[in-house]
Amino acid sequence: MRRARDPFFWGLFSAGGMLAALLLPALFLIVAVAAPLGWFGMTAHVDWLALVGNPLLRLGLFGLLFLAFFHAAHRFRYTLYDGMQLYHLDALISVLTYGVATVLTLIAAVVLATAG
């Protein structure tokens, strides 16, 4: 019965890795390079809060963060499990890594819900 959950977490891992590889470089370019250089004319904090006030953007950011957190948790789990050969701690490692990803996702949800 334990193996029934593995495809779900592998799906989150692959979706998070793909979205992170596709969207995070563009997001970094926009937020960390283009905005400080004034390419968009949005330099004030109020302008960025108005942009994040869009519910579709919030939903997209939440989805990206959710998948990225679970991608990182899955990668870290199997690094500990296979890389460090901690086979006997599989249940504890699973609970801790996915628990941290869940807590970070909830924090992201709260921050995004209150950001607008």
Protein backbone atom coordinates (compact mmCIF):
# COMPACT_ATOMS: atom_id res chain seq x y z
CA MET A 1 0.00 0.00 0.00
CA ARG A 2 2.96 2.32 0.55
CA ARG A 3 3.78 2.52 -3.15
CA ALA A 4 0.36 3.95 -4.01
CA ARG A 5 1.48 7.49 -3.02
CA ASP A 6 4.77 7.46 -4.92
CA PRO A 7 3.36 8.37 -8.37
CA PHE A 8 1.62 11.40 -6.85
CA PHE A 9 4.85 12.77 -5.37
CA TRP A 10 6.83 11.95 -8.54
CA GLY A 11 4.20 13.92 -10.49
CA LEU A 12 4.60 16.91 -8.18
CA PHE A 13 8.38 16.57 -8.53
CA SER A 14 8.31 16.60 -12.33
CA ALA A 15 5.74 19.39 -12.60
CA GLY A 16 7.64 21.53 -10.10
CA GLY A 17 10.94 20.97 -11.85
CA MET A 18 9.51 21.82 -15.26
CA LEU A 19 7.73 24.98 -14.10
CA ALA A 20 10.71 26.11 -12.05
CA ALA A 21 13.02 25.64 -15.02
CA LEU A 22 10.69 27.52 -17.35
CA LEU A 23 9.32 30.32 -15.17
CA LEU A 24 11.85 31.13 -12.45
CA PRO A 25 14.54 32.50 -14.83
CA ALA A 26 11.96 34.78 -16.46
CA LEU A 27 10.60 35.85 -13.08
CA PHE A 28 14.13 36.56 -11.87
CA LEU A 29 14.86 38.60 -14.99
CA ILE A 30 11.73 40.69 -14.50
CA VAL A 31 11.96 41.24 -10.74
CA ALA A 32 15.72 41.38 -10.17
CA VAL A 33 17.04 42.88 -13.41
CA ALA A 34 14.43 44.67 -15.49
CA ALA A 35 12.46 46.33 -12.69
CA PRO A 36 15.45 47.87 -10.87
CA LEU A 37 16.74 49.19 -14.19
CA GLY A 38 13.38 50.88 -14.78
CA TRP A 39 12.50 48.99 -17.97
CA PHE A 40 8.85 48.70 -16.90
CA GLY A 41 8.43 52.02 -15.14
CA MET A 42 7.36 50.16 -11.99
CA THR A 43 9.87 51.04 -9.35
CA ALA A 44 7.58 51.95 -6.45
CA HIS A 45 6.44 49.41 -3.91
CA VAL A 46 2.83 50.47 -4.53
CA ASP A 47 3.11 49.54 -8.21
CA TRP A 48 4.28 46.02 -7.36
CA LEU A 49 1.51 45.57 -4.79
CA ALA A 50 -1.05 46.61 -7.41
CA LEU A 51 0.39 44.02 -9.79
CA VAL A 52 0.30 41.28 -7.16
CA GLY A 53 -3.28 42.33 -6.40
CA ASN A 54 -4.40 40.57 -9.57
CA PRO A 55 -6.06 37.28 -8.49
CA LEU A 56 -4.81 35.38 -11.54
CA LEU A 57 -1.22 36.39 -10.84
CA ARG A 58 -1.62 35.37 -7.21
CA LEU A 59 -3.00 32.00 -8.27
CA GLY A 60 -0.12 31.53 -10.70
CA LEU A 61 2.47 32.46 -8.08
CA PHE A 62 0.84 30.12 -5.58
CA GLY A 63 0.91 27.27 -8.10
CA LEU A 64 4.54 27.94 -8.94
CA LEU A 65 5.56 28.09 -5.28
CA PHE A 66 3.52 25.01 -4.37
CA LEU A 67 5.11 22.92 -7.09
CA ALA A 68 8.62 24.32 -6.49
CA PHE A 69 8.40 23.52 -2.75
CA PHE A 70 7.30 19.94 -3.40
CA HIS A 71 9.95 19.54 -6.10
CA ALA A 72 12.63 20.61 -3.62
CA ALA A 73 11.19 18.36 -0.90
CA HIS A 74 11.15 15.34 -3.19
CA ARG A 75 14.68 16.02 -4.40
CA PHE A 76 15.94 16.44 -0.83
CA ARG A 77 14.11 13.28 0.28
CA TYR A 78 15.76 11.13 -2.34
CA THR A 79 19.12 12.79 -1.76
CA LEU A 80 18.94 11.67 1.85
CA TYR A 81 17.38 8.32 1.01
CA ASP A 82 19.63 7.25 -1.87
CA GLY A 83 22.64 9.55 -1.60
CA MET A 84 23.24 9.12 2.11
CA GLN A 85 21.66 5.63 2.14
CA LEU A 86 19.32 6.36 5.02
CA TYR A 87 16.90 3.63 4.01
CA HIS A 88 15.86 2.88 7.56
CA LEU A 89 14.62 6.47 8.06
CA ASP A 90 12.39 6.59 4.97
CA ALA A 91 9.15 7.26 6.86
CA LEU A 92 10.69 10.01 9.00
CA ILE A 93 12.39 11.65 6.04
CA SER A 94 9.14 11.58 4.04
CA VAL A 95 7.13 13.16 6.84
CA LEU A 96 9.74 15.86 7.47
CA THR A 97 10.44 16.84 3.86
CA TYR A 98 6.83 16.87 2.70
CA GLY A 99 5.75 18.44 5.98
CA VAL A 100 8.16 21.34 5.47
CA ALA A 101 6.91 21.72 1.89
CA THR A 102 3.33 21.80 3.17
CA VAL A 103 4.12 24.41 5.83
CA LEU A 104 5.96 26.58 3.29
CA THR A 105 3.02 26.27 0.91
CA LEU A 106 0.61 27.38 3.64
CA ILE A 107 2.86 30.34 4.48
CA ALA A 108 2.96 31.27 0.80
CA ALA A 109 -0.85 31.06 0.65
CA VAL A 110 -1.21 33.36 3.64
CA VAL A 111 1.32 35.86 2.29
CA LEU A 112 -0.30 35.91 -1.15
CA ALA A 113 -3.79 36.21 0.35
CA THR A 114 -2.79 39.23 2.42
CA ALA A 115 -0.56 40.90 -0.17
CA GLY A 116 -3.37 42.67 -1.96
